[in-house]
Amino acid sequence: MTMPETDVTRAAARAEAGEVLLLDVREDDEWAAGHAPQAVHAPMSRLTLGDVPADRPVVAVCRSGNRSGQATAALVAAGRDVVNMAGGMKDWAATGLPVVREDGSPGQVL
């Protein structure tokens, strides 16, 4: 099975338009340091099927695309509509897209 993937630019545009849910599967310290403004946090170490909506497309994201790729494979196998964001938050930040902390202040990718 080929892993469904999308690039950062397309993921950001679809999230901004409300077409997809950005699901950040990084751990708590990574999330706290900075994340995509539209993202929802569900750490991979505690991720359950209940964290992933069955009624809308999801883009999984992590630092580089590796962990989110693993999460994507498991969630697709469980019947969810999920794609992996290739390049992860490293590419997101490198593209100049916003990275924020919980309070909305500028963040960074760990």
PDB file of N, CA and C in Angstrom:
ATOM      1  N   MET A   1       0.839  -1.191   0.000  1.00  0.00           N
ATOM      2  CA  MET A   1       0.000   0.000   0.000  1.00  0.00           C
ATOM      3  C   MET A   1       0.879   1.248   0.000  1.00  0.00           C
ATOM      4  N   THR A   2       0.579   2.175  -0.865  1.00  0.00           N
ATOM      5  CA  THR A   2       1.288   3.436  -0.906  1.00  0.00           C
ATOM      6  C   THR A   2       0.681   4.380   0.119  1.00  0.00           C
ATOM      7  N   MET A   3       1.572   5.067   0.865  1.00  0.00           N
ATOM      8  CA  MET A   3       1.102   6.005   1.890  1.00  0.00           C
ATOM      9  C   MET A   3       0.528   7.255   1.228  1.00  0.00           C
ATOM     10  N   PRO A   4      -0.703   7.626   1.567  1.00  0.00           N
ATOM     11  CA  PRO A   4      -1.251   8.867   1.028  1.00  0.00           C
ATOM     12  C   PRO A   4      -0.534  10.067   1.655  1.00  0.00           C
ATOM     13  N   GLU A   5      -0.031  10.955   0.811  1.00  0.00           N
ATOM     14  CA  GLU A   5       0.696  12.129   1.295  1.00  0.00           C
ATOM     15  C   GLU A   5       0.233  13.392   0.589  1.00  0.00           C
ATOM     16  N   THR A   6       0.516  14.499   1.240  1.00  0.00           N
ATOM     17  CA  THR A   6       0.293  15.818   0.666  1.00  0.00           C
ATOM     18  C   THR A   6       1.490  16.672   1.027  1.00  0.00           C
ATOM     19  N   ASP A   7       1.682  17.756   0.299  1.00  0.00           N
ATOM     20  CA  ASP A   7       2.788  18.644   0.638  1.00  0.00           C
ATOM     21  C   ASP A   7       2.298  19.747   1.582  1.00  0.00           C
ATOM     22  N   VAL A   8       3.254  20.465   2.131  1.00  0.00           N
ATOM     23  CA  VAL A   8       2.955  21.487   3.137  1.00  0.00           C
ATOM     24  C   VAL A   8       2.045  22.581   2.578  1.00  0.00           C
ATOM     25  N   THR A   9       2.324  23.043   1.383  1.00  0.00           N
ATOM     26  CA  THR A   9       1.544  24.138   0.803  1.00  0.00           C
ATOM     27  C   THR A   9       0.084  23.741   0.625  1.00  0.00           C
ATOM     28  N   ARG A  10      -0.133  22.561   0.100  1.00  0.00           N
ATOM     29  CA  ARG A  10      -1.513  22.094  -0.102  1.00  0.00           C
ATOM     30  C   ARG A  10      -2.202  21.839   1.241  1.00  0.00           C
ATOM     31  N   ALA A  11      -1.491  21.251   2.195  1.00  0.00           N
ATOM     32  CA  ALA A  11      -2.068  21.005   3.518  1.00  0.00           C
ATOM     33  C   ALA A  11      -2.481  22.323   4.175  1.00  0.00           C
ATOM     34  N   ALA A  12      -1.611  23.322   4.092  1.00  0.00           N
ATOM     35  CA  ALA A  12      -1.912  24.625   4.703  1.00  0.00           C
ATOM     36  C   ALA A  12      -3.130  25.269   4.050  1.00  0.00           C
ATOM     37  N   ALA A  13      -3.209  25.219   2.744  1.00  0.00           N
ATOM     38  CA  ALA A  13      -4.341  25.821   2.033  1.00  0.00           C
ATOM     39  C   ALA A  13      -5.646  25.113   2.383  1.00  0.00           C
ATOM     40  N   ARG A  14      -5.604  23.795   2.434  1.00  0.00           N
ATOM     41  CA  ARG A  14      -6.810  23.032   2.757  1.00  0.00           C
ATOM     42  C   ARG A  14      -7.233  23.254   4.210  1.00  0.00           C
ATOM     43  N   ALA A  15      -6.270  23.379   5.122  1.00  0.00           N
ATOM     44  CA  ALA A  15      -6.595  23.643   6.528  1.00  0.00           C
ATOM     45  C   ALA A  15      -7.190  25.039   6.678  1.00  0.00           C
ATOM     46  N   GLU A  16      -6.591  26.003   6.001  1.00  0.00           N
ATOM     47  CA  GLU A  16      -7.077  27.387   6.060  1.00  0.00           C
ATOM     48  C   GLU A  16      -8.503  27.485   5.532  1.00  0.00           C
ATOM     49  N   ALA A  17      -8.812  26.704   4.510  1.00  0.00           N
ATOM     50  CA  ALA A  17     -10.147  26.712   3.913  1.00  0.00           C
ATOM     51  C   ALA A  17     -11.151  25.882   4.719  1.00  0.00           C
ATOM     52  N   GLY A  18     -10.678  25.204   5.763  1.00  0.00           N
ATOM     53  CA  GLY A  18     -11.559  24.383   6.581  1.00  0.00           C
ATOM     54  C   GLY A  18     -11.913  23.046   5.947  1.00  0.00           C
ATOM     55  N   GLU A  19     -11.148  22.640   4.932  1.00  0.00           N
ATOM     56  CA  GLU A  19     -11.424  21.388   4.219  1.00  0.00           C
ATOM     57  C   GLU A  19     -10.909  20.160   4.964  1.00  0.00           C
ATOM     58  N   VAL A  20      -9.882  20.349   5.804  1.00  0.00           N
ATOM     59  CA  VAL A  20      -9.270  19.225   6.515  1.00  0.00           C
ATOM     60  C   VAL A  20      -8.983  19.629   7.960  1.00  0.00           C
ATOM     61  N   LEU A  21      -8.822  18.619   8.784  1.00  0.00           N
ATOM     62  CA  LEU A  21      -8.340  18.815  10.146  1.00  0.00           C
ATOM     63  C   LEU A  21      -6.850  18.521  10.166  1.00  0.00           C
ATOM     64  N   LEU A  22      -6.044  19.448  10.635  1.00  0.00           N
ATOM     65  CA  LEU A  22      -4.611  19.202  10.834  1.00  0.00           C
ATOM     66  C   LEU A  22      -4.451  18.536  12.188  1.00  0.00           C
ATOM     67  N   LEU A  23      -3.940  17.321  12.198  1.00  0.00           N
ATOM     68  CA  LEU A  23      -3.771  16.550  13.426  1.00  0.00           C
ATOM     69  C   LEU A  23      -2.290  16.438  13.735  1.00  0.00           C
ATOM     70  N   ASP A  24      -1.838  17.172  14.735  1.00  0.00           N
ATOM     71  CA  ASP A  24      -0.429  17.184  15.128  1.00  0.00           C
ATOM     72  C   ASP A  24      -0.188  16.069  16.128  1.00  0.00           C
ATOM     73  N   VAL A  25       0.620  15.078  15.730  1.00  0.00           N
ATOM     74  CA  VAL A  25       0.854  13.906  16.576  1.00  0.00           C
ATOM     75  C   VAL A  25       2.169  13.983  17.353  1.00  0.00           C
ATOM     76  N   ARG A  26       2.796  15.167  17.387  1.00  0.00           N
ATOM     77  CA  ARG A  26       4.034  15.317  18.148  1.00  0.00           C
ATOM     78  C   ARG A  26       3.736  15.291  19.652  1.00  0.00           C
ATOM     79  N   GLU A  27       4.771  15.142  20.431  1.00  0.00           N
ATOM     80  CA  GLU A  27       4.613  15.062  21.883  1.00  0.00           C
ATOM     81  C   GLU A  27       4.388  16.453  22.485  1.00  0.00           C
ATOM     82  N   ASP A  28       4.023  16.468  23.766  1.00  0.00           N
ATOM     83  CA  ASP A  28       3.612  17.702  24.441  1.00  0.00           C
ATOM     84  C   ASP A  28       4.641  18.825  24.362  1.00  0.00           C
ATOM     85  N   ASP A  29       5.930  18.514  24.567  1.00  0.00           N
ATOM     86  CA  ASP A  29       6.944  19.567  24.551  1.00  0.00           C
ATOM     87  C   ASP A  29       7.108  20.166  23.156  1.00  0.00           C
ATOM     88  N   GLU A  30       6.994  19.342  22.129  1.00  0.00           N
ATOM     89  CA  GLU A  30       7.098  19.830  20.754  1.00  0.00           C
ATOM     90  C   GLU A  30       5.905  20.728  20.420  1.00  0.00           C
ATOM     91  N   TRP A  31       4.720  20.296  20.805  1.00  0.00           N
ATOM     92  CA  TRP A  31       3.499  21.073  20.580  1.00  0.00           C
ATOM     93  C   TRP A  31       3.598  22.422  21.288  1.00  0.00           C
ATOM     94  N   ALA A  32       4.024  22.407  22.555  1.00  0.00           N
ATOM     95  CA  ALA A  32       4.106  23.644  23.344  1.00  0.00           C
ATOM     96  C   ALA A  32       5.083  24.642  22.737  1.00  0.00           C
ATOM     97  N   ALA A  33       6.152  24.148  22.134  1.00  0.00           N
ATOM     98  CA  ALA A  33       7.154  25.041  21.531  1.00  0.00           C
ATOM     99  C   ALA A  33       6.607  25.748  20.299  1.00  0.00           C
ATOM    100  N   GLY A  34       5.735  25.086  19.555  1.00  0.00           N
ATOM    101  CA  GLY A  34       5.146  25.719  18.380  1.00  0.00           C
ATOM    102  C   GLY A  34       4.462  24.723  17.475  1.00  0.00           C
ATOM    103  N   HIS A  35       3.339  25.165  16.900  1.00  0.00           N
ATOM    104  CA  HIS A  35       2.531  24.318  16.029  1.00  0.00           C
ATOM    105  C   HIS A  35       1.805  25.182  15.012  1.00  0.00           C
ATOM    106  N   ALA A  36       1.199  24.547  14.034  1.00  0.00           N
ATOM    107  CA  ALA A  36       0.376  25.263  13.059  1.00  0.00           C
ATOM    108  C   ALA A  36      -0.840  25.838  13.768  1.00  0.00           C
ATOM    109  N   PRO A  37      -1.229  27.067  13.440  1.00  0.00           N
ATOM    110  CA  PRO A  37      -2.345  27.698  14.144  1.00  0.00           C
ATOM    111  C   PRO A  37      -3.650  26.894  14.103  1.00  0.00           C
ATOM    112  N   GLN A  38      -3.907  26.201  13.014  1.00  0.00           N
ATOM    113  CA  GLN A  38      -5.174  25.486  12.860  1.00  0.00           C
ATOM    114  C   GLN A  38      -5.127  24.068  13.430  1.00  0.00           C
ATOM    115  N   ALA A  39      -3.989  23.622  13.889  1.00  0.00           N
ATOM    116  CA  ALA A  39      -3.814  22.216  14.271  1.00  0.00           C
ATOM    117  C   ALA A  39      -4.526  21.856  15.572  1.00  0.00           C
ATOM    118  N   VAL A  40      -4.838  20.565  15.667  1.00  0.00           N
ATOM    119  CA  VAL A  40      -5.370  19.950  16.875  1.00  0.00           C
ATOM    120  C   VAL A  40      -4.307  18.976  17.358  1.00  0.00           C
ATOM    121  N   HIS A  41      -4.086  18.935  18.660  1.00  0.00           N
ATOM    122  CA  HIS A  41      -3.011  18.111  19.223  1.00  0.00           C
ATOM    123  C   HIS A  41      -3.539  16.773  19.723  1.00  0.00           C
ATOM    124  N   ALA A  42      -2.912  15.700  19.257  1.00  0.00           N
ATOM    125  CA  ALA A  42      -3.202  14.348  19.742  1.00  0.00           C
ATOM    126  C   ALA A  42      -1.890  13.570  19.659  1.00  0.00           C
ATOM    127  N   PRO A  43      -1.078  13.598  20.728  1.00  0.00           N
ATOM    128  CA  PRO A  43       0.239  12.960  20.694  1.00  0.00           C
ATOM    129  C   PRO A  43       0.166  11.493  20.265  1.00  0.00           C
ATOM    130  N   MET A  44       1.088  11.093  19.413  1.00  0.00           N
ATOM    131  CA  MET A  44       1.096   9.731  18.898  1.00  0.00           C
ATOM    132  C   MET A  44       1.167   8.704  20.021  1.00  0.00           C
ATOM    133  N   SER A  45       1.865   9.035  21.100  1.00  0.00           N
ATOM    134  CA  SER A  45       2.007   8.094  22.211  1.00  0.00           C
ATOM    135  C   SER A  45       0.678   7.803  22.902  1.00  0.00           C
ATOM    136  N   ARG A  46      -0.319   8.675  22.687  1.00  0.00           N
ATOM    137  CA  ARG A  46      -1.635   8.491  23.304  1.00  0.00           C
ATOM    138  C   ARG A  46      -2.773   8.516  22.273  1.00  0.00           C
ATOM    139  N   LEU A  47      -2.438   8.469  21.007  1.00  0.00           N
ATOM    140  CA  LEU A  47      -3.422   8.594  19.934  1.00  0.00           C
ATOM    141  C   LEU A  47      -4.385   7.405  19.925  1.00  0.00           C
ATOM    142  N   THR A  48      -5.672   7.716  19.864  1.00  0.00           N
ATOM    143  CA  THR A  48      -6.695   6.680  19.736  1.00  0.00           C
ATOM    144  C   THR A  48      -7.557   7.001  18.525  1.00  0.00           C
ATOM    145  N   LEU A  49      -8.294   6.037  18.073  1.00  0.00           N
ATOM    146  CA  LEU A  49      -9.185   6.236  16.938  1.00  0.00           C
ATOM    147  C   LEU A  49     -10.215   7.319  17.242  1.00  0.00           C
ATOM    148  N   GLY A  50     -10.568   7.462  18.496  1.00  0.00           N
ATOM    149  CA  GLY A  50     -11.522   8.490  18.893  1.00  0.00           C
ATOM    150  C   GLY A  50     -11.003   9.911  18.721  1.00  0.00           C
ATOM    151  N   ASP A  51      -9.680  10.082  18.594  1.00  0.00           N
ATOM    152  CA  ASP A  51      -9.096  11.406  18.385  1.00  0.00           C
ATOM    153  C   ASP A  51      -9.231  11.871  16.941  1.00  0.00           C
ATOM    154  N   VAL A  52      -9.634  10.964  16.064  1.00  0.00           N
ATOM    155  CA  VAL A  52      -9.644  11.236  14.622  1.00  0.00           C
ATOM    156  C   VAL A  52     -11.076  11.212  14.113  1.00  0.00           C
ATOM    157  N   PRO A  53     -11.554  12.348  13.598  1.00  0.00           N
ATOM    158  CA  PRO A  53     -12.939  12.370  13.131  1.00  0.00           C
ATOM    159  C   PRO A  53     -13.153  11.412  11.962  1.00  0.00           C
ATOM    160  N   ALA A  54     -14.307  10.764  11.974  1.00  0.00           N
ATOM    161  CA  ALA A  54     -14.650   9.845  10.893  1.00  0.00           C
ATOM    162  C   ALA A  54     -15.385  10.567   9.770  1.00  0.00           C
ATOM    163  N   ASP A  55     -15.795  11.813  10.040  1.00  0.00           N
ATOM    164  CA  ASP A  55     -16.641  12.527   9.085  1.00  0.00           C
ATOM    165  C   ASP A  55     -15.941  13.645   8.323  1.00  0.00           C
ATOM    166  N   ARG A  56     -14.598  13.727   8.456  1.00  0.00           N
ATOM    167  CA  ARG A  56     -13.896  14.749   7.674  1.00  0.00           C
ATOM    168  C   ARG A  56     -12.473  14.304   7.409  1.00  0.00           C
ATOM    169  N   PRO A  57     -11.889  14.775   6.304  1.00  0.00           N
ATOM    170  CA  PRO A  57     -10.512  14.407   5.986  1.00  0.00           C
ATOM    171  C   PRO A  57      -9.533  14.981   7.009  1.00  0.00           C
ATOM    172  N   VAL A  58      -8.450  14.247   7.231  1.00  0.00           N
ATOM    173  CA  VAL A  58      -7.433  14.620   8.213  1.00  0.00           C
ATOM    174  C   VAL A  58      -6.066  14.629   7.543  1.00  0.00           C
ATOM    175  N   VAL A  59      -5.246  15.612   7.923  1.00  0.00           N
ATOM    176  CA  VAL A  59      -3.840  15.643   7.529  1.00  0.00           C
ATOM    177  C   VAL A  59      -3.025  15.471   8.802  1.00  0.00           C
ATOM    178  N   ALA A  60      -2.281  14.368   8.889  1.00  0.00           N
ATOM    179  CA  ALA A  60      -1.440  14.110  10.058  1.00  0.00           C
ATOM    180  C   ALA A  60      -0.096  14.803   9.875  1.00  0.00           C
ATOM    181  N   VAL A  61       0.411  15.387  10.975  1.00  0.00           N
ATOM    182  CA  VAL A  61       1.659  16.129  10.915  1.00  0.00           C
ATOM    183  C   VAL A  61       2.502  15.845  12.154  1.00  0.00           C
ATOM    184  N   CYS A  62       3.822  15.802  11.951  1.00  0.00           N
ATOM    185  CA  CYS A  62       4.781  15.698  13.052  1.00  0.00           C
ATOM    186  C   CYS A  62       5.962  16.601  12.698  1.00  0.00           C
ATOM    187  N   ARG A  63       7.119  16.352  13.236  1.00  0.00           N
ATOM    188  CA  ARG A  63       8.280  17.201  12.970  1.00  0.00           C
ATOM    189  C   ARG A  63       8.771  17.050  11.533  1.00  0.00           C
ATOM    190  N   SER A  64       8.927  15.796  11.083  1.00  0.00           N
ATOM    191  CA  SER A  64       9.533  15.575   9.764  1.00  0.00           C
ATOM    192  C   SER A  64       8.671  14.754   8.814  1.00  0.00           C
ATOM    193  N   GLY A  65       7.609  14.153   9.308  1.00  0.00           N
ATOM    194  CA  GLY A  65       6.749  13.319   8.482  1.00  0.00           C
ATOM    195  C   GLY A  65       6.875  11.838   8.784  1.00  0.00           C
ATOM    196  N   ASN A  66       7.807  11.448   9.651  1.00  0.00           N
ATOM    197  CA  ASN A  66       7.988  10.028   9.961  1.00  0.00           C
ATOM    198  C   ASN A  66       6.911   9.497  10.901  1.00  0.00           C
ATOM    199  N   ARG A  67       6.764  10.117  12.066  1.00  0.00           N
ATOM    200  CA  ARG A  67       5.744   9.651  13.023  1.00  0.00           C
ATOM    201  C   ARG A  67       4.341   9.820  12.452  1.00  0.00           C
ATOM    202  N   SER A  68       4.109  10.954  11.798  1.00  0.00           N
ATOM    203  CA  SER A  68       2.778  11.153  11.216  1.00  0.00           C
ATOM    204  C   SER A  68       2.524  10.146  10.097  1.00  0.00           C
ATOM    205  N   GLY A  69       3.576   9.696   9.434  1.00  0.00           N
ATOM    206  CA  GLY A  69       3.424   8.647   8.431  1.00  0.00           C
ATOM    207  C   GLY A  69       2.989   7.341   9.058  1.00  0.00           C
ATOM    208  N   GLN A  70       3.565   7.017  10.200  1.00  0.00           N
ATOM    209  CA  GLN A  70       3.164   5.804  10.927  1.00  0.00           C
ATOM    210  C   GLN A  70       1.709   5.926  11.389  1.00  0.00           C
ATOM    211  N   ALA A  71       1.364   7.092  11.911  1.00  0.00           N
ATOM    212  CA  ALA A  71      -0.012   7.319  12.363  1.00  0.00           C
ATOM    213  C   ALA A  71      -0.974   7.235  11.178  1.00  0.00           C
ATOM    214  N   THR A  72      -0.591   7.826  10.056  1.00  0.00           N
ATOM    215  CA  THR A  72      -1.428   7.789   8.857  1.00  0.00           C
ATOM    216  C   THR A  72      -1.685   6.354   8.423  1.00  0.00           C
ATOM    217  N   ALA A  73      -0.630   5.548   8.355  1.00  0.00           N
ATOM    218  CA  ALA A  73      -0.786   4.154   7.932  1.00  0.00           C
ATOM    219  C   ALA A  73      -1.759   3.407   8.838  1.00  0.00           C
ATOM    220  N   ALA A  74      -1.631   3.592  10.151  1.00  0.00           N
ATOM    221  CA  ALA A  74      -2.512   2.902  11.100  1.00  0.00           C
ATOM    222  C   ALA A  74      -3.950   3.397  10.979  1.00  0.00           C
ATOM    223  N   LEU A  75      -4.114   4.707  10.820  1.00  0.00           N
ATOM    224  CA  LEU A  75      -5.462   5.272  10.748  1.00  0.00           C
ATOM    225  C   LEU A  75      -6.163   4.915   9.437  1.00  0.00           C
ATOM    226  N   VAL A  76      -5.420   4.904   8.339  1.00  0.00           N
ATOM    227  CA  VAL A  76      -5.993   4.493   7.052  1.00  0.00           C
ATOM    228  C   VAL A  76      -6.427   3.031   7.138  1.00  0.00           C
ATOM    229  N   ALA A  77      -5.591   2.197   7.758  1.00  0.00           N
ATOM    230  CA  ALA A  77      -5.933   0.782   7.925  1.00  0.00           C
ATOM    231  C   ALA A  77      -7.199   0.610   8.766  1.00  0.00           C
ATOM    232  N   ALA A  78      -7.458   1.578   9.650  1.00  0.00           N
ATOM    233  CA  ALA A  78      -8.651   1.537  10.494  1.00  0.00           C
ATOM    234  C   ALA A  78      -9.854   2.196   9.820  1.00  0.00           C
ATOM    235  N   GLY A  79      -9.673   2.643   8.571  1.00  0.00           N
ATOM    236  CA  GLY A  79     -10.793   3.177   7.813  1.00  0.00           C
ATOM    237  C   GLY A  79     -10.966   4.677   7.827  1.00  0.00           C
ATOM    238  N   ARG A  80     -10.028   5.405   8.408  1.00  0.00           N
ATOM    239  CA  ARG A  80     -10.125   6.865   8.438  1.00  0.00           C
ATOM    240  C   ARG A  80      -9.532   7.474   7.172  1.00  0.00           C
ATOM    241  N   ASP A  81     -10.029   8.663   6.802  1.00  0.00           N
ATOM    242  CA  ASP A  81      -9.557   9.418   5.632  1.00  0.00           C
ATOM    243  C   ASP A  81      -8.415  10.325   6.097  1.00  0.00           C
ATOM    244  N   VAL A  82      -7.189   9.805   6.038  1.00  0.00           N
ATOM    245  CA  VAL A  82      -6.016  10.514   6.561  1.00  0.00           C
ATOM    246  C   VAL A  82      -4.904  10.500   5.516  1.00  0.00           C
ATOM    247  N   VAL A  83      -4.213  11.640   5.393  1.00  0.00           N
ATOM    248  CA  VAL A  83      -3.007  11.723   4.587  1.00  0.00           C
ATOM    249  C   VAL A  83      -1.883  12.274   5.456  1.00  0.00           C
ATOM    250  N   ASN A  84      -0.673  11.930   5.113  1.00  0.00           N
ATOM    251  CA  ASN A  84       0.506  12.393   5.834  1.00  0.00           C
ATOM    252  C   ASN A  84       1.009  13.683   5.197  1.00  0.00           C
ATOM    253  N   MET A  85       1.415  14.648   6.018  1.00  0.00           N
ATOM    254  CA  MET A  85       2.036  15.865   5.495  1.00  0.00           C
ATOM    255  C   MET A  85       3.537  15.624   5.371  1.00  0.00           C
ATOM    256  N   ALA A  86       3.987  15.414   4.149  1.00  0.00           N
ATOM    257  CA  ALA A  86       5.404  15.154   3.878  1.00  0.00           C
ATOM    258  C   ALA A  86       6.242  16.357   4.314  1.00  0.00           C
ATOM    259  N   GLY A  87       7.350  16.082   4.976  1.00  0.00           N
ATOM    260  CA  GLY A  87       8.250  17.152   5.418  1.00  0.00           C
ATOM    261  C   GLY A  87       7.927  17.712   6.783  1.00  0.00           C
ATOM    262  N   GLY A  88       6.704  17.475   7.261  1.00  0.00           N
ATOM    263  CA  GLY A  88       6.314  17.869   8.601  1.00  0.00           C
ATOM    264  C   GLY A  88       6.446  19.351   8.919  1.00  0.00           C
ATOM    265  N   MET A  89       6.510  19.627  10.219  1.00  0.00           N
ATOM    266  CA  MET A  89       6.592  21.011  10.691  1.00  0.00           C
ATOM    267  C   MET A  89       7.913  21.674  10.309  1.00  0.00           C
ATOM    268  N   LYS A  90       8.953  20.881  10.080  1.00  0.00           N
ATOM    269  CA  LYS A  90      10.216  21.475   9.610  1.00  0.00           C
ATOM    270  C   LYS A  90       9.988  22.165   8.269  1.00  0.00           C
ATOM    271  N   ASP A  91       9.320  21.484   7.336  1.00  0.00           N
ATOM    272  CA  ASP A  91       9.034  22.088   6.032  1.00  0.00           C
ATOM    273  C   ASP A  91       8.003  23.213   6.159  1.00  0.00           C
ATOM    274  N   TRP A  92       7.036  23.040   7.058  1.00  0.00           N
ATOM    275  CA  TRP A  92       6.022  24.075   7.291  1.00  0.00           C
ATOM    276  C   TRP A  92       6.717  25.392   7.642  1.00  0.00           C
ATOM    277  N   ALA A  93       7.601  25.339   8.634  1.00  0.00           N
ATOM    278  CA  ALA A  93       8.313  26.548   9.073  1.00  0.00           C
ATOM    279  C   ALA A  93       9.248  27.072   7.982  1.00  0.00           C
ATOM    280  N   ALA A  94       9.936  26.171   7.287  1.00  0.00           N
ATOM    281  CA  ALA A  94      10.875  26.573   6.232  1.00  0.00           C
ATOM    282  C   ALA A  94      10.157  27.265   5.081  1.00  0.00           C
ATOM    283  N   THR A  95       8.888  26.945   4.892  1.00  0.00           N
ATOM    284  CA  THR A  95       8.091  27.569   3.835  1.00  0.00           C
ATOM    285  C   THR A  95       7.620  28.963   4.251  1.00  0.00           C
ATOM    286  N   GLY A  96       7.786  29.297   5.532  1.00  0.00           N
ATOM    287  CA  GLY A  96       7.373  30.608   6.016  1.00  0.00           C
ATOM    288  C   GLY A  96       5.969  30.634   6.584  1.00  0.00           C
ATOM    289  N   LEU A  97       5.370  29.460   6.736  1.00  0.00           N
ATOM    290  CA  LEU A  97       4.037  29.396   7.326  1.00  0.00           C
ATOM    291  C   LEU A  97       4.132  29.628   8.834  1.00  0.00           C
ATOM    292  N   PRO A  98       3.077  30.159   9.447  1.00  0.00           N
ATOM    293  CA  PRO A  98       3.151  30.518  10.864  1.00  0.00           C
ATOM    294  C   PRO A  98       3.277  29.310  11.792  1.00  0.00           C
ATOM    295  N   VAL A  99       4.074  29.511  12.830  1.00  0.00           N
ATOM    296  CA  VAL A  99       4.234  28.550  13.921  1.00  0.00           C
ATOM    297  C   VAL A  99       3.945  29.331  15.196  1.00  0.00           C
ATOM    298  N   VAL A 100       2.982  28.852  15.981  1.00  0.00           N
ATOM    299  CA  VAL A 100       2.556  29.590  17.168  1.00  0.00           C
ATOM    300  C   VAL A 100       2.569  28.705  18.410  1.00  0.00           C
ATOM    301  N   ARG A 101       2.595  29.375  19.561  1.00  0.00           N
ATOM    302  CA  ARG A 101       2.425  28.707  20.854  1.00  0.00           C
ATOM    303  C   ARG A 101       0.938  28.764  21.214  1.00  0.00           C
ATOM    304  N   GLU A 102       0.574  28.130  22.310  1.00  0.00           N
ATOM    305  CA  GLU A 102      -0.832  28.113  22.748  1.00  0.00           C
ATOM    306  C   GLU A 102      -1.416  29.514  22.914  1.00  0.00           C
ATOM    307  N   ASP A 103      -0.598  30.471  23.364  1.00  0.00           N
ATOM    308  CA  ASP A 103      -1.103  31.821  23.597  1.00  0.00           C
ATOM    309  C   ASP A 103      -1.117  32.678  22.322  1.00  0.00           C
ATOM    310  N   GLY A 104      -0.754  32.085  21.185  1.00  0.00           N
ATOM    311  CA  GLY A 104      -0.747  32.816  19.925  1.00  0.00           C
ATOM    312  C   GLY A 104       0.547  33.506  19.594  1.00  0.00           C
ATOM    313  N   SER A 105       1.497  33.508  20.544  1.00  0.00           N
ATOM    314  CA  SER A 105       2.787  34.147  20.286  1.00  0.00           C
ATOM    315  C   SER A 105       3.604  33.270  19.324  1.00  0.00           C
ATOM    316  N   PRO A 106       4.601  33.866  18.666  1.00  0.00           N
ATOM    317  CA  PRO A 106       5.420  33.075  17.740  1.00  0.00           C
ATOM    318  C   PRO A 106       6.089  31.890  18.433  1.00  0.00           C
ATOM    319  N   GLY A 107       6.112  30.778  17.737  1.00  0.00           N
ATOM    320  CA  GLY A 107       6.714  29.576  18.271  1.00  0.00           C
ATOM    321  C   GLY A 107       7.863  29.105  17.411  1.00  0.00           C
ATOM    322  N   GLN A 108       8.367  27.946  17.742  1.00  0.00           N
ATOM    323  CA  GLN A 108       9.453  27.346  16.968  1.00  0.00           C
ATOM    324  C   GLN A 108       9.213  25.848  16.873  1.00  0.00           C
ATOM    325  N   VAL A 109       9.831  25.236  15.871  1.00  0.00           N
ATOM    326  CA  VAL A 109       9.708  23.789  15.694  1.00  0.00           C
ATOM    327  C   VAL A 109      10.883  23.120  16.360  1.00  0.00           C
ATOM    328  N   LEU A 110      10.584  22.230  17.317  1.00  0.00           N
ATOM    329  CA  LEU A 110      11.640  21.446  17.978  1.00  0.00           C
ATOM    330  C   LEU A 110      11.910  20.193  17.191  1.00  0.00           C
TER     331      LEU A 110
END
